[in-house]
Amino acid sequence: MDKQIVNRSGEVWVYIETVKGKIADISLELLSKGRELADALDVPLAGLLLGYGVAPLADGLFSYGVDKVYVAEHPLLERYETHPYARAAIQLIRRENPQIVIYGASAVGRDLAPRIASAIRAGLTADCTDLQIGDHKDPVTKVVHKNLLYQIRPAFGGNIIATIVNTWGWPQMATVREGVMRMPEPTDGRAGRVISVHPELDLADVLLNLVSEEPREHTVNLKAARVIVAGGSGVGSKENFKLVYDLANVLGAAVGASRAAVDKGFIDKAHQVGQTGTTVRPALYIALGISGQVQHRAGMEEAAKIVAVNRDPEAPIFSIAHYGVVADLNDVVPMMVRAIRKRV
């Protein structure tokens, strides 16, 4: 007879990242998934907020589904630095013993989560595209571990989707790619509990001397674009990518690209859409010369309307396109540009 192990009492935590005094979008996206996981386990959802002078941000998290917020403030946390942030988080995780902690797969999350996982000997799956709660039966011991975190991510270059579980202890940790979780709608009137903690830190935890900061603004914001015109390897060359820009300009659209186009040097990686790029959900997505491999489709298939132009009638992109044009984009795109300009 199978032996069952059920885990239910530990909380679900979301690491709350801040950017210029505001909650980062990736953290708000994760709260929607965190709420789903917490409800499945019938446990509270908590936010982990680290910094200095960040306490006023805590109340705003309750409208996004959080039940409680752990606020760890210290002067050494005023700016993000790996060691003091990791030490503060480790102290609190060891004290509270959450069963799940999830982080955004941002530059900060990818830096912080492995440090914490290494220190507390926890499993960590990076760049997940989905998280679910489920059971796992050990094929050797026949023990059934119930209510585990399914950490789902592409593997082997996106050719398979792997489901990873941690059966040996808490917390179960994962970083989640930006844009794969839907931004939740805030609910007015929700309240919760703010728990202030005081991490034990000293100057020995600060290993770097910050001389100056030179922040750079993102010039590409595909996530916020309502219309995206994307080009693939079928565009043919960096020079010919001008066709993609021409169509985007007349539509007031953002410019995207497939990984193949980026790898060939047609356009910068900041424009890449797909499993290894940005996940987008625009009102209109126009794919030019994009074959539509599964890695690309995973990043744009939830667009409200998809228009594909490709010479190959068997191209996979047509399987998800609402409108398809089997033709040479060098002929079609100039016609589209002229028609739109005439209409405007």
Protein backbone atom coordinates (compact mmCIF):
# COMPACT_ATOMS: atom_id res chain seq x y z
CA MET A 1 0.00 0.00 0.00
CA ASP A 2 1.31 3.43 -0.93
CA LYS A 3 2.35 5.72 1.90
CA GLN A 4 1.08 9.28 1.50
CA ILE A 5 2.82 12.44 2.69
CA VAL A 6 0.65 15.56 2.70
CA ASN A 7 2.09 19.06 3.11
CA ARG A 8 -0.37 21.84 3.87
CA SER A 9 0.60 24.14 6.71
CA GLY A 10 3.40 26.27 5.20
CA GLU A 11 2.64 29.57 3.52
CA VAL A 12 3.17 30.52 -0.12
CA TRP A 13 5.55 33.46 -0.52
CA VAL A 14 6.21 35.82 -3.42
CA TYR A 15 9.40 37.87 -3.37
CA ILE A 16 8.36 41.49 -3.97
CA GLU A 17 10.88 43.32 -6.13
CA THR A 18 10.93 47.12 -6.17
CA VAL A 19 12.11 49.45 -8.92
CA LYS A 20 12.57 53.16 -8.20
CA GLY A 21 10.31 53.01 -5.17
CA LYS A 22 7.52 51.07 -6.90
CA ILE A 23 6.47 47.43 -6.98
CA ALA A 24 7.88 45.76 -10.11
CA ASP A 25 5.34 44.43 -12.61
CA ILE A 26 6.85 40.95 -12.47
CA SER A 27 6.04 40.75 -8.75
CA LEU A 28 2.42 41.75 -9.32
CA GLU A 29 2.15 39.12 -12.05
CA LEU A 30 3.44 36.47 -9.65
CA LEU A 31 0.84 37.41 -7.04
CA SER A 32 -1.91 36.11 -9.32
CA LYS A 33 -0.21 32.72 -9.55
CA GLY A 34 0.71 32.84 -5.86
CA ARG A 35 -2.93 33.37 -4.96
CA GLU A 36 -3.91 30.38 -7.09
CA LEU A 37 -1.29 28.17 -5.43
CA ALA A 38 -2.21 29.32 -1.93
CA ASP A 39 -5.90 28.64 -2.56
CA ALA A 40 -5.11 25.15 -3.87
CA LEU A 41 -3.17 24.44 -0.67
CA ASP A 42 -5.61 26.31 1.61
CA VAL A 43 -2.78 28.38 3.11
CA PRO A 44 -2.06 32.14 3.31
CA LEU A 45 -0.30 34.05 0.54
CA ALA A 46 2.48 36.32 1.79
CA GLY A 47 4.71 38.90 0.17
CA LEU A 48 8.38 39.23 1.11
CA LEU A 49 9.35 42.90 0.87
CA LEU A 50 12.99 43.86 1.53
CA GLY A 51 14.52 47.32 1.48
CA TYR A 52 14.73 50.56 3.40
CA GLY A 53 11.78 52.94 3.51
CA VAL A 54 9.62 50.41 1.64
CA ALA A 55 6.99 49.84 4.36
CA PRO A 56 4.45 52.22 2.71
CA LEU A 57 4.34 49.87 -0.29
CA ALA A 58 3.00 46.98 1.77
CA ASP A 59 -0.62 48.13 1.98
CA GLY A 60 -0.90 48.28 -1.82
CA LEU A 61 -0.18 44.56 -2.08
CA PHE A 62 -3.36 43.49 -0.31
CA SER A 63 -5.50 44.53 -3.27
CA TYR A 64 -3.55 42.00 -5.36
CA GLY A 65 -4.50 39.03 -3.19
CA VAL A 66 -1.86 39.01 -0.46
CA ASP A 67 -2.94 38.00 3.05
CA LYS A 68 0.16 39.25 4.81
CA VAL A 69 3.38 41.08 4.01
CA TYR A 70 6.71 40.48 5.72
CA VAL A 71 8.56 43.80 5.61
CA ALA A 72 12.29 43.57 6.35
CA GLU A 73 13.89 47.00 6.52
CA HIS A 74 17.49 47.94 7.21
CA PRO A 75 19.77 50.78 6.04
CA LEU A 76 22.01 48.22 4.33
CA LEU A 77 19.05 47.18 2.17
CA GLU A 78 18.53 50.66 0.71
CA ARG A 79 20.02 49.50 -2.60
CA TYR A 80 19.93 45.98 -3.92
CA GLU A 81 23.09 44.02 -3.20
CA THR A 82 23.22 40.25 -3.24
CA HIS A 83 24.72 39.41 0.14
CA PRO A 84 22.69 41.61 2.51
CA TYR A 85 19.45 40.86 0.64
CA ALA A 86 20.16 37.14 0.64
CA ARG A 87 21.06 37.12 4.32
CA ALA A 88 17.89 39.02 5.29
CA ALA A 89 15.72 36.64 3.24
CA ILE A 90 17.47 33.54 4.57
CA GLN A 91 16.93 34.60 8.18
CA LEU A 92 13.20 35.08 7.60
CA ILE A 93 12.73 31.90 5.56
CA ARG A 94 14.43 29.84 8.24
CA ARG A 95 12.24 31.41 10.90
CA GLU A 96 8.88 31.09 9.13
CA ASN A 97 9.46 27.93 7.03
CA PRO A 98 7.23 28.69 4.00
CA GLN A 99 6.55 25.74 1.75
CA ILE A 100 6.81 27.71 -1.51
CA VAL A 101 8.80 30.82 -2.43
CA ILE A 102 8.65 32.20 -5.97
CA TYR A 103 10.69 34.99 -7.54
CA GLY A 104 10.55 36.85 -10.81
CA ALA A 105 13.18 35.75 -13.31
CA SER A 106 14.48 39.30 -13.51
CA ALA A 107 18.13 40.27 -13.09
CA VAL A 108 17.50 40.59 -9.34
CA GLY A 109 15.52 37.36 -9.02
CA ARG A 110 18.05 35.35 -11.00
CA ASP A 111 20.81 36.69 -8.76
CA LEU A 112 19.06 36.39 -5.40
CA ALA A 113 17.17 33.09 -5.62
CA PRO A 114 20.22 30.82 -6.21
CA ARG A 115 22.05 32.39 -3.25
CA ILE A 116 19.13 31.65 -0.97
CA ALA A 117 18.64 28.15 -2.35
CA SER A 118 22.30 27.29 -1.86
CA ALA A 119 22.35 28.56 1.73
CA ILE A 120 19.24 26.71 2.88
CA ARG A 121 19.80 23.62 0.70
CA ALA A 122 16.55 24.06 -1.18
CA GLY A 123 15.68 23.00 -4.70
CA LEU A 124 15.30 25.78 -7.27
CA THR A 125 13.93 25.65 -10.82
CA ALA A 126 14.81 28.62 -13.00
CA ASP A 127 12.78 30.39 -15.69
CA CYS A 128 9.50 28.56 -15.16
CA THR A 129 6.61 29.25 -17.50
CA ASP A 130 3.94 27.74 -15.26
CA LEU A 131 3.43 26.53 -11.70
CA GLN A 132 0.80 24.06 -10.49
CA ILE A 133 0.00 21.99 -7.42
CA GLY A 134 -0.04 18.21 -7.82
CA ASP A 135 1.06 14.84 -6.46
CA HIS A 136 4.15 12.76 -7.16
CA LYS A 137 4.72 9.06 -6.56
CA ASP A 138 8.33 8.05 -6.00
CA PRO A 139 8.95 5.14 -8.39
CA VAL A 140 11.37 3.49 -5.96
CA THR A 141 9.89 4.00 -2.49
CA LYS A 142 6.27 4.14 -3.74
CA VAL A 143 5.73 7.09 -1.41
CA VAL A 144 3.10 9.51 -2.73
CA HIS A 145 4.02 13.12 -2.03
CA LYS A 146 0.84 15.17 -2.22
CA ASN A 147 0.41 18.87 -2.88
CA LEU A 148 3.84 19.46 -4.34
CA LEU A 149 4.79 22.43 -6.48
CA TYR A 150 4.97 21.43 -10.14
CA GLN A 151 7.70 23.64 -11.58
CA ILE A 152 7.12 23.71 -15.33
CA ARG A 153 9.64 25.03 -17.84
CA PRO A 154 10.97 24.41 -21.34
CA ALA A 155 14.06 22.22 -21.61
CA PHE A 156 16.52 21.10 -24.28
CA GLY A 157 16.18 24.34 -26.19
CA GLY A 158 12.41 24.38 -25.82
CA ASN A 159 11.95 21.03 -27.53
CA ILE A 160 10.26 19.54 -24.47
CA ILE A 161 8.35 20.87 -21.48
CA ALA A 162 9.73 19.56 -18.20
CA THR A 163 7.82 19.26 -14.92
CA ILE A 164 10.16 19.36 -11.93
CA VAL A 165 9.29 18.57 -8.31
CA ASN A 166 11.15 18.82 -5.01
CA THR A 167 10.20 16.02 -2.63
CA TRP A 168 12.87 16.42 0.02
CA GLY A 169 11.92 19.55 1.92
CA TRP A 170 10.76 23.13 2.14
CA PRO A 171 10.78 25.63 0.68
CA GLN A 172 10.09 24.65 -2.91
CA MET A 173 11.47 27.54 -4.95
CA ALA A 174 11.25 28.74 -8.53
CA THR A 175 11.91 31.79 -10.62
CA VAL A 176 9.20 32.64 -13.16
CA ARG A 177 9.69 34.38 -16.48
CA GLU A 178 8.29 37.84 -16.90
CA GLY A 179 5.02 38.09 -18.78
CA VAL A 180 3.92 34.45 -18.56
CA MET A 181 1.49 35.13 -15.70
CA ARG A 182 -1.41 37.50 -16.20
CA MET A 183 -1.35 40.79 -14.33
CA PRO A 184 -4.14 40.55 -11.73
CA GLU A 185 -6.81 43.19 -11.41
CA PRO A 186 -6.62 44.92 -8.00
CA THR A 187 -9.57 44.38 -5.67
CA ASP A 188 -10.44 47.38 -3.54
CA GLY A 189 -11.23 46.89 0.12
CA ARG A 190 -8.95 43.91 0.78
CA ALA A 191 -6.95 44.13 3.98
CA GLY A 192 -4.20 42.07 5.51
CA ARG A 193 -1.46 41.96 8.06
CA VAL A 194 1.91 43.72 7.87
CA ILE A 195 4.66 41.98 9.81
CA SER A 196 7.73 44.14 10.41
CA VAL A 197 11.00 42.29 10.91
CA HIS A 198 14.48 43.55 11.64
CA PRO A 199 17.18 41.51 9.92
CA GLU A 200 20.53 41.13 11.62
CA LEU A 201 22.99 42.70 9.20
CA ASP A 202 26.34 44.45 9.54
CA LEU A 203 28.89 46.10 7.27
CA ALA A 204 30.66 42.77 6.79
CA ASP A 205 27.67 41.75 4.61
CA VAL A 206 28.40 44.60 2.19
CA LEU A 207 31.12 43.37 -0.16
CA LEU A 208 30.85 46.11 -2.78
CA ASN A 209 31.40 49.84 -2.68
CA LEU A 210 28.90 51.57 -4.94
CA VAL A 211 30.71 54.42 -6.66
CA SER A 212 27.95 55.58 -9.01
CA GLU A 213 24.76 54.44 -10.70
CA GLU A 214 23.99 54.86 -14.39
CA PRO A 215 20.46 53.54 -14.93
CA ARG A 216 19.38 52.87 -18.49
CA GLU A 217 15.78 53.04 -19.53
CA HIS A 218 14.31 50.16 -21.52
CA THR A 219 13.82 51.31 -25.10
CA VAL A 220 11.65 48.31 -25.99
CA ASN A 221 8.46 47.53 -24.07
CA LEU A 222 6.82 44.67 -25.89
CA LYS A 223 4.67 43.70 -22.91
CA ALA A 224 2.77 46.98 -23.00
CA ALA A 225 2.30 47.08 -26.79
CA ARG A 226 -1.23 46.62 -28.13
CA VAL A 227 0.08 45.95 -31.64
CA ILE A 228 3.30 44.12 -32.48
CA VAL A 229 4.82 43.53 -35.91
CA ALA A 230 7.44 40.79 -35.68
CA GLY A 231 9.93 39.52 -38.21
CA GLY A 232 11.65 36.17 -38.50
CA SER A 233 14.50 34.62 -40.43
CA GLY A 234 12.26 34.74 -43.52
CA VAL A 235 12.80 38.50 -43.67
CA GLY A 236 16.16 37.58 -45.16
CA SER A 237 18.59 40.21 -43.87
CA LYS A 238 19.17 43.01 -41.42
CA GLU A 239 18.67 45.53 -44.22
CA ASN A 240 15.38 43.97 -45.26
CA PHE A 241 14.11 44.22 -41.68
CA LYS A 242 13.24 47.78 -42.70
CA LEU A 243 9.99 46.28 -44.04
CA VAL A 244 9.04 45.22 -40.53
CA TYR A 245 9.76 48.71 -39.21
CA ASP A 246 7.81 50.32 -42.06
CA LEU A 247 4.67 48.35 -41.23
CA ALA A 248 5.12 48.91 -37.50
CA ASN A 249 5.49 52.66 -38.03
CA VAL A 250 2.24 53.09 -39.96
CA LEU A 251 0.38 51.02 -37.35
CA GLY A 252 2.00 52.69 -34.35
CA ALA A 253 3.19 49.23 -33.34
CA ALA A 254 6.16 47.81 -31.47
CA VAL A 255 8.71 45.73 -33.37
CA GLY A 256 9.28 42.13 -32.33
CA ALA A 257 11.34 39.27 -33.67
CA SER A 258 11.82 35.54 -33.51
CA ARG A 259 14.92 34.01 -31.97
CA ALA A 260 16.13 33.00 -35.42
CA ALA A 261 16.09 36.63 -36.56
CA VAL A 262 17.97 37.70 -33.42
CA ASP A 263 20.54 34.91 -33.78
CA LYS A 264 21.21 36.00 -37.36
CA GLY A 265 21.85 39.56 -36.21
CA PHE A 266 18.83 41.10 -37.93
CA ILE A 267 17.74 42.88 -34.72
CA ASP A 268 18.67 43.25 -31.06
CA LYS A 269 17.66 40.60 -28.50
CA ALA A 270 15.50 43.13 -26.63
CA HIS A 271 12.92 42.61 -29.41
CA GLN A 272 12.83 38.80 -29.10
CA VAL A 273 9.45 37.16 -28.51
CA GLY A 274 9.16 33.58 -27.31
CA GLN A 275 10.24 31.17 -24.62
CA THR A 276 13.71 32.68 -24.44
CA GLY A 277 12.47 36.21 -25.03
CA THR A 278 9.41 38.18 -23.95
CA THR A 279 5.92 36.73 -23.54
CA VAL A 280 3.33 39.08 -25.04
CA ARG A 281 -0.47 39.31 -25.28
CA PRO A 282 -1.20 42.18 -27.70
CA ALA A 283 -4.51 42.93 -29.38
CA LEU A 284 -2.83 42.31 -32.75
CA TYR A 285 0.30 40.33 -33.60
CA ILE A 286 1.59 40.34 -37.18
CA ALA A 287 4.18 37.66 -37.89
CA LEU A 288 6.28 38.27 -40.99
CA GLY A 289 8.52 35.47 -42.21
CA ILE A 290 8.21 33.59 -38.91
CA SER A 291 7.83 29.83 -39.27
CA GLY A 292 6.18 29.53 -35.86
CA GLN A 293 8.17 26.92 -33.97
CA VAL A 294 6.80 25.98 -30.55
CA GLN A 295 9.35 28.17 -28.78
CA HIS A 296 8.06 31.29 -30.54
CA ARG A 297 4.39 30.36 -30.34
CA ALA A 298 4.66 29.95 -26.56
CA GLY A 299 5.47 33.63 -26.28
CA MET A 300 2.69 35.09 -28.45
CA GLU A 301 -0.11 32.57 -29.00
CA GLU A 302 -2.42 34.37 -26.54
CA ALA A 303 -2.57 37.47 -28.74
CA ALA A 304 -6.18 38.45 -29.42
CA LYS A 305 -5.63 38.43 -33.21
CA ILE A 306 -2.73 36.89 -35.11
CA VAL A 307 -1.92 37.65 -38.74
CA ALA A 308 0.81 35.59 -40.42
CA VAL A 309 2.60 36.15 -43.71
CA ASN A 310 4.80 33.27 -44.90
CA ARG A 311 5.70 31.66 -48.21
CA ASP A 312 5.41 28.15 -46.76
CA PRO A 313 1.76 27.01 -46.56
CA GLU A 314 2.83 24.32 -44.06
CA ALA A 315 4.48 26.77 -41.66
CA PRO A 316 3.37 26.01 -38.06
CA ILE A 317 2.47 29.67 -37.51
CA PHE A 318 -0.67 29.15 -39.61
CA SER A 319 -1.98 26.65 -37.04
CA ILE A 320 -2.60 29.49 -34.57
CA ALA A 321 -3.09 32.42 -36.94
CA HIS A 322 -6.55 33.95 -37.26
CA TYR A 323 -5.61 35.27 -40.71
CA GLY A 324 -2.89 33.86 -42.93
CA VAL A 325 -1.32 35.05 -46.15
CA VAL A 326 0.74 32.55 -48.15
CA ALA A 327 2.98 34.90 -50.11
CA ASP A 328 6.35 36.63 -50.21
CA LEU A 329 6.45 39.28 -47.49
CA ASN A 330 8.52 41.48 -49.83
CA ASP A 331 5.40 41.77 -51.99
CA VAL A 332 2.76 41.83 -49.27
CA VAL A 333 4.23 44.25 -46.72
CA PRO A 334 4.64 47.24 -49.10
CA MET A 335 1.03 46.69 -50.22
CA MET A 336 -0.11 46.67 -46.59
CA VAL A 337 1.84 49.85 -45.85
CA ARG A 338 0.36 51.67 -48.84
CA ALA A 339 -3.17 50.54 -48.00
CA ILE A 340 -2.89 51.65 -44.39
CA ARG A 341 -1.40 55.02 -45.30
CA LYS A 342 -4.17 55.59 -47.83
CA ARG A 343 -6.85 54.72 -45.27
CA VAL A 344 -5.27 56.92 -42.59
